[in-house]
């Protein structure tokens, strides 16, 4: 999710489409939150790992 967000952020900035930049930023933040919660051992949505 983080990688997809970064790709969308880069494409959005290069092309100048603010929608892609916004969606990419949201995906990066959501992916980082899930990654941090998973790394601390806290189960998110009933799962301990998302891979």
PDB file of N, CA and C in Angstrom:
ATOM      1  N   UNK A   1       0.832  -1.180   0.000  1.00  0.00           N
ATOM      2  CA  UNK A   1       0.000   0.000   0.000  1.00  0.00           C
ATOM      3  C   UNK A   1       0.882   1.250   0.000  1.00  0.00           C
ATOM      4  N   UNK A   2       1.969   1.177   0.712  1.00  0.00           N
ATOM      5  CA  UNK A   2       2.875   2.323   0.771  1.00  0.00           C
ATOM      6  C   UNK A   2       3.526   2.551  -0.600  1.00  0.00           C
ATOM      7  N   UNK A   3       3.928   1.459  -1.245  1.00  0.00           N
ATOM      8  CA  UNK A   3       4.581   1.581  -2.552  1.00  0.00           C
ATOM      9  C   UNK A   3       3.609   2.134  -3.586  1.00  0.00           C
ATOM     10  N   UNK A   4       2.376   1.649  -3.582  1.00  0.00           N
ATOM     11  CA  UNK A   4       1.377   2.170  -4.508  1.00  0.00           C
ATOM     12  C   UNK A   4       1.122   3.658  -4.254  1.00  0.00           C
ATOM     13  N   UNK A   5       1.058   4.035  -2.992  1.00  0.00           N
ATOM     14  CA  UNK A   5       0.872   5.441  -2.647  1.00  0.00           C
ATOM     15  C   UNK A   5       2.015   6.309  -3.138  1.00  0.00           C
ATOM     16  N   UNK A   6       3.234   5.821  -2.986  1.00  0.00           N
ATOM     17  CA  UNK A   6       4.390   6.589  -3.461  1.00  0.00           C
ATOM     18  C   UNK A   6       4.374   6.735  -4.976  1.00  0.00           C
ATOM     19  N   UNK A   7       4.003   5.659  -5.670  1.00  0.00           N
ATOM     20  CA  UNK A   7       3.933   5.727  -7.131  1.00  0.00           C
ATOM     21  C   UNK A   7       2.881   6.747  -7.561  1.00  0.00           C
ATOM     22  N   UNK A   8       1.712   6.707  -6.926  1.00  0.00           N
ATOM     23  CA  UNK A   8       0.668   7.670  -7.274  1.00  0.00           C
ATOM     24  C   UNK A   8       1.074   9.097  -6.932  1.00  0.00           C
ATOM     25  N   UNK A   9       1.788   9.279  -5.814  1.00  0.00           N
ATOM     26  CA  UNK A   9       2.272  10.609  -5.460  1.00  0.00           C
ATOM     27  C   UNK A   9       3.220  11.157  -6.521  1.00  0.00           C
ATOM     28  N   UNK A  10       4.154  10.323  -6.940  1.00  0.00           N
ATOM     29  CA  UNK A  10       5.139  10.763  -7.935  1.00  0.00           C
ATOM     30  C   UNK A  10       4.467  11.078  -9.259  1.00  0.00           C
ATOM     31  N   UNK A  11       3.568  10.181  -9.707  1.00  0.00           N
ATOM     32  CA  UNK A  11       2.876  10.420 -10.968  1.00  0.00           C
ATOM     33  C   UNK A  11       2.017  11.682 -10.871  1.00  0.00           C
ATOM     34  N   UNK A  12       1.321  11.848  -9.749  1.00  0.00           N
ATOM     35  CA  UNK A  12       0.478  13.019  -9.564  1.00  0.00           C
ATOM     36  C   UNK A  12       1.261  14.317  -9.586  1.00  0.00           C
ATOM     37  N   UNK A  13       2.450  14.300  -8.997  1.00  0.00           N
ATOM     38  CA  UNK A  13       3.273  15.516  -8.989  1.00  0.00           C
ATOM     39  C   UNK A  13       3.870  15.803 -10.367  1.00  0.00           C
ATOM     40  N   UNK A  14       4.285  14.754 -11.081  1.00  0.00           N
ATOM     41  CA  UNK A  14       4.881  14.961 -12.391  1.00  0.00           C
ATOM     42  C   UNK A  14       3.851  15.423 -13.419  1.00  0.00           C
ATOM     43  N   UNK A  15       2.664  14.837 -13.368  1.00  0.00           N
ATOM     44  CA  UNK A  15       1.633  15.162 -14.345  1.00  0.00           C
ATOM     45  C   UNK A  15       0.859  16.402 -13.931  1.00  0.00           C
ATOM     46  N   UNK A  16       0.789  16.665 -12.646  1.00  0.00           N
ATOM     47  CA  UNK A  16       0.069  17.830 -12.167  1.00  0.00           C
ATOM     48  C   UNK A  16      -1.390  17.564 -11.851  1.00  0.00           C
ATOM     49  N   UNK A  17      -1.717  16.305 -11.584  1.00  0.00           N
ATOM     50  CA  UNK A  17      -3.092  15.932 -11.254  1.00  0.00           C
ATOM     51  C   UNK A  17      -3.199  15.858  -9.733  1.00  0.00           C
ATOM     52  N   UNK A  18      -3.960  16.782  -9.164  1.00  0.00           N
ATOM     53  CA  UNK A  18      -4.027  16.849  -7.704  1.00  0.00           C
ATOM     54  C   UNK A  18      -4.782  15.671  -7.101  1.00  0.00           C
ATOM     55  N   UNK A  19      -5.690  15.065  -7.843  1.00  0.00           N
ATOM     56  CA  UNK A  19      -6.432  13.906  -7.332  1.00  0.00           C
ATOM     57  C   UNK A  19      -5.489  12.736  -7.083  1.00  0.00           C
ATOM     58  N   UNK A  20      -4.567  12.478  -8.002  1.00  0.00           N
ATOM     59  CA  UNK A  20      -3.604  11.393  -7.806  1.00  0.00           C
ATOM     60  C   UNK A  20      -2.692  11.686  -6.626  1.00  0.00           C
ATOM     61  N   UNK A  21      -2.301  12.922  -6.473  1.00  0.00           N
ATOM     62  CA  UNK A  21      -1.449  13.295  -5.354  1.00  0.00           C
ATOM     63  C   UNK A  21      -2.170  13.089  -4.027  1.00  0.00           C
ATOM     64  N   UNK A  22      -3.438  13.454  -3.965  1.00  0.00           N
ATOM     65  CA  UNK A  22      -4.220  13.296  -2.739  1.00  0.00           C
ATOM     66  C   UNK A  22      -4.418  11.825  -2.400  1.00  0.00           C
ATOM     67  N   UNK A  23      -4.809  11.031  -3.387  1.00  0.00           N
ATOM     68  CA  UNK A  23      -5.027   9.602  -3.157  1.00  0.00           C
ATOM     69  C   UNK A  23      -3.715   8.929  -2.761  1.00  0.00           C
ATOM     70  N   UNK A  24      -2.631   9.300  -3.403  1.00  0.00           N
ATOM     71  CA  UNK A  24      -1.322   8.744  -3.058  1.00  0.00           C
ATOM     72  C   UNK A  24      -0.922   9.076  -1.638  1.00  0.00           C
ATOM     73  N   UNK A  25      -1.166  10.298  -1.220  1.00  0.00           N
ATOM     74  CA  UNK A  25      -0.842  10.692   0.154  1.00  0.00           C
ATOM     75  C   UNK A  25      -1.661   9.932   1.175  1.00  0.00           C
ATOM     76  N   UNK A  26      -2.941   9.743   0.890  1.00  0.00           N
ATOM     77  CA  UNK A  26      -3.802   8.987   1.804  1.00  0.00           C
ATOM     78  C   UNK A  26      -3.330   7.534   1.905  1.00  0.00           C
ATOM     79  N   UNK A  27      -2.959   6.943   0.780  1.00  0.00           N
ATOM     80  CA  UNK A  27      -2.483   5.558   0.803  1.00  0.00           C
ATOM     81  C   UNK A  27      -1.171   5.421   1.569  1.00  0.00           C
ATOM     82  N   UNK A  28      -0.288   6.375   1.412  1.00  0.00           N
ATOM     83  CA  UNK A  28       0.980   6.322   2.145  1.00  0.00           C
ATOM     84  C   UNK A  28       0.733   6.407   3.648  1.00  0.00           C
ATOM     85  N   UNK A  29      -0.126   7.316   4.070  1.00  0.00           N
ATOM     86  CA  UNK A  29      -0.406   7.482   5.499  1.00  0.00           C
ATOM     87  C   UNK A  29      -1.102   6.245   6.061  1.00  0.00           C
ATOM     88  N   UNK A  30      -2.101   5.737   5.347  1.00  0.00           N
ATOM     89  CA  UNK A  30      -2.825   4.550   5.825  1.00  0.00           C
ATOM     90  C   UNK A  30      -1.898   3.338   5.876  1.00  0.00           C
ATOM     91  N   UNK A  31      -1.070   3.180   4.878  1.00  0.00           N
ATOM     92  CA  UNK A  31      -0.117   2.069   4.874  1.00  0.00           C
ATOM     93  C   UNK A  31       0.894   2.167   6.003  1.00  0.00           C
ATOM     94  N   UNK A  32       1.354   3.371   6.275  1.00  0.00           N
ATOM     95  CA  UNK A  32       2.313   3.561   7.366  1.00  0.00           C
ATOM     96  C   UNK A  32       1.679   3.261   8.722  1.00  0.00           C
ATOM     97  N   UNK A  33       0.435   3.679   8.913  1.00  0.00           N
ATOM     98  CA  UNK A  33      -0.257   3.399  10.178  1.00  0.00           C
ATOM     99  C   UNK A  33      -0.438   1.901  10.365  1.00  0.00           C
ATOM    100  N   UNK A  34      -0.883   1.203   9.313  1.00  0.00           N
ATOM    101  CA  UNK A  34      -1.053  -0.252   9.421  1.00  0.00           C
ATOM    102  C   UNK A  34       0.279  -0.956   9.643  1.00  0.00           C
ATOM    103  N   UNK A  35       1.326  -0.458   9.011  1.00  0.00           N
ATOM    104  CA  UNK A  35       2.643  -1.058   9.172  1.00  0.00           C
ATOM    105  C   UNK A  35       3.140  -0.886  10.610  1.00  0.00           C
ATOM    106  N   UNK A  36       2.986   0.305  11.158  1.00  0.00           N
ATOM    107  CA  UNK A  36       3.434   0.567  12.531  1.00  0.00           C
ATOM    108  C   UNK A  36       2.641  -0.271  13.526  1.00  0.00           C
ATOM    109  N   UNK A  37       1.325  -0.332  13.346  1.00  0.00           N
ATOM    110  CA  UNK A  37       0.508  -1.150  14.257  1.00  0.00           C
ATOM    111  C   UNK A  37       0.873  -2.621  14.149  1.00  0.00           C
ATOM    112  N   UNK A  38       1.128  -3.094  12.950  1.00  0.00           N
ATOM    113  CA  UNK A  38       1.527  -4.487  12.772  1.00  0.00           C
ATOM    114  C   UNK A  38       2.898  -4.777  13.352  1.00  0.00           C
ATOM    115  N   UNK A  39       3.809  -3.809  13.265  1.00  0.00           N
ATOM    116  CA  UNK A  39       5.162  -3.997  13.786  1.00  0.00           C
ATOM    117  C   UNK A  39       5.179  -4.035  15.309  1.00  0.00           C
ATOM    118  N   UNK A  40       4.220  -3.384  15.943  1.00  0.00           N
ATOM    119  CA  UNK A  40       4.177  -3.393  17.399  1.00  0.00           C
ATOM    120  C   UNK A  40       3.496  -4.641  17.940  1.00  0.00           C
ATOM    121  N   UNK A  41       2.969  -5.483  17.032  1.00  0.00           N
ATOM    122  CA  UNK A  41       2.343  -6.715  17.468  1.00  0.00           C
ATOM    123  C   UNK A  41       0.865  -6.582  17.759  1.00  0.00           C
ATOM    124  N   UNK A  42       0.320  -5.426  17.477  1.00  0.00           N
ATOM    125  CA  UNK A  42      -1.102  -5.204  17.727  1.00  0.00           C
ATOM    126  C   UNK A  42      -1.915  -5.732  16.553  1.00  0.00           C
ATOM    127  N   UNK A  43      -2.919  -6.520  16.833  1.00  0.00           N
ATOM    128  CA  UNK A  43      -3.771  -7.069  15.774  1.00  0.00           C
ATOM    129  C   UNK A  43      -4.691  -5.972  15.241  1.00  0.00           C
ATOM    130  N   UNK A  44      -4.731  -5.827  13.932  1.00  0.00           N
ATOM    131  CA  UNK A  44      -5.556  -4.817  13.283  1.00  0.00           C
ATOM    132  C   UNK A  44      -6.596  -5.541  12.447  1.00  0.00           C
ATOM    133  N   UNK A  45      -7.858  -5.363  12.738  1.00  0.00           N
ATOM    134  CA  UNK A  45      -8.906  -6.010  11.975  1.00  0.00           C
ATOM    135  C   UNK A  45      -8.915  -7.514  12.139  1.00  0.00           C
ATOM    136  N   UNK A  46      -8.450  -8.009  13.256  1.00  0.00           N
ATOM    137  CA  UNK A  46      -8.441  -9.444  13.495  1.00  0.00           C
ATOM    138  C   UNK A  46      -7.241 -10.164  12.920  1.00  0.00           C
ATOM    139  N   UNK A  47      -6.293  -9.422  12.316  1.00  0.00           N
ATOM    140  CA  UNK A  47      -5.113 -10.042  11.748  1.00  0.00           C
ATOM    141  C   UNK A  47      -3.855  -9.461  12.388  1.00  0.00           C
ATOM    142  N   UNK A  48      -2.889 -10.324  12.597  1.00  0.00           N
ATOM    143  CA  UNK A  48      -1.629  -9.828  13.134  1.00  0.00           C
ATOM    144  C   UNK A  48      -0.692  -9.353  12.033  1.00  0.00           C
ATOM    145  N   UNK A  49      -0.834  -9.902  10.821  1.00  0.00           N
ATOM    146  CA  UNK A  49       0.054  -9.538   9.709  1.00  0.00           C
ATOM    147  C   UNK A  49      -0.775  -9.296   8.464  1.00  0.00           C
ATOM    148  N   UNK A  50      -0.313  -8.400   7.624  1.00  0.00           N
ATOM    149  CA  UNK A  50      -0.974  -8.109   6.363  1.00  0.00           C
ATOM    150  C   UNK A  50      -0.071  -8.425   5.201  1.00  0.00           C
ATOM    151  N   UNK A  51       0.539  -9.601   5.203  1.00  0.00           N
ATOM    152  CA  UNK A  51       1.359 -10.019   4.064  1.00  0.00           C
ATOM    153  C   UNK A  51       1.240 -11.485   3.865  1.00  0.00           C
TER     154      UNK A  51
END
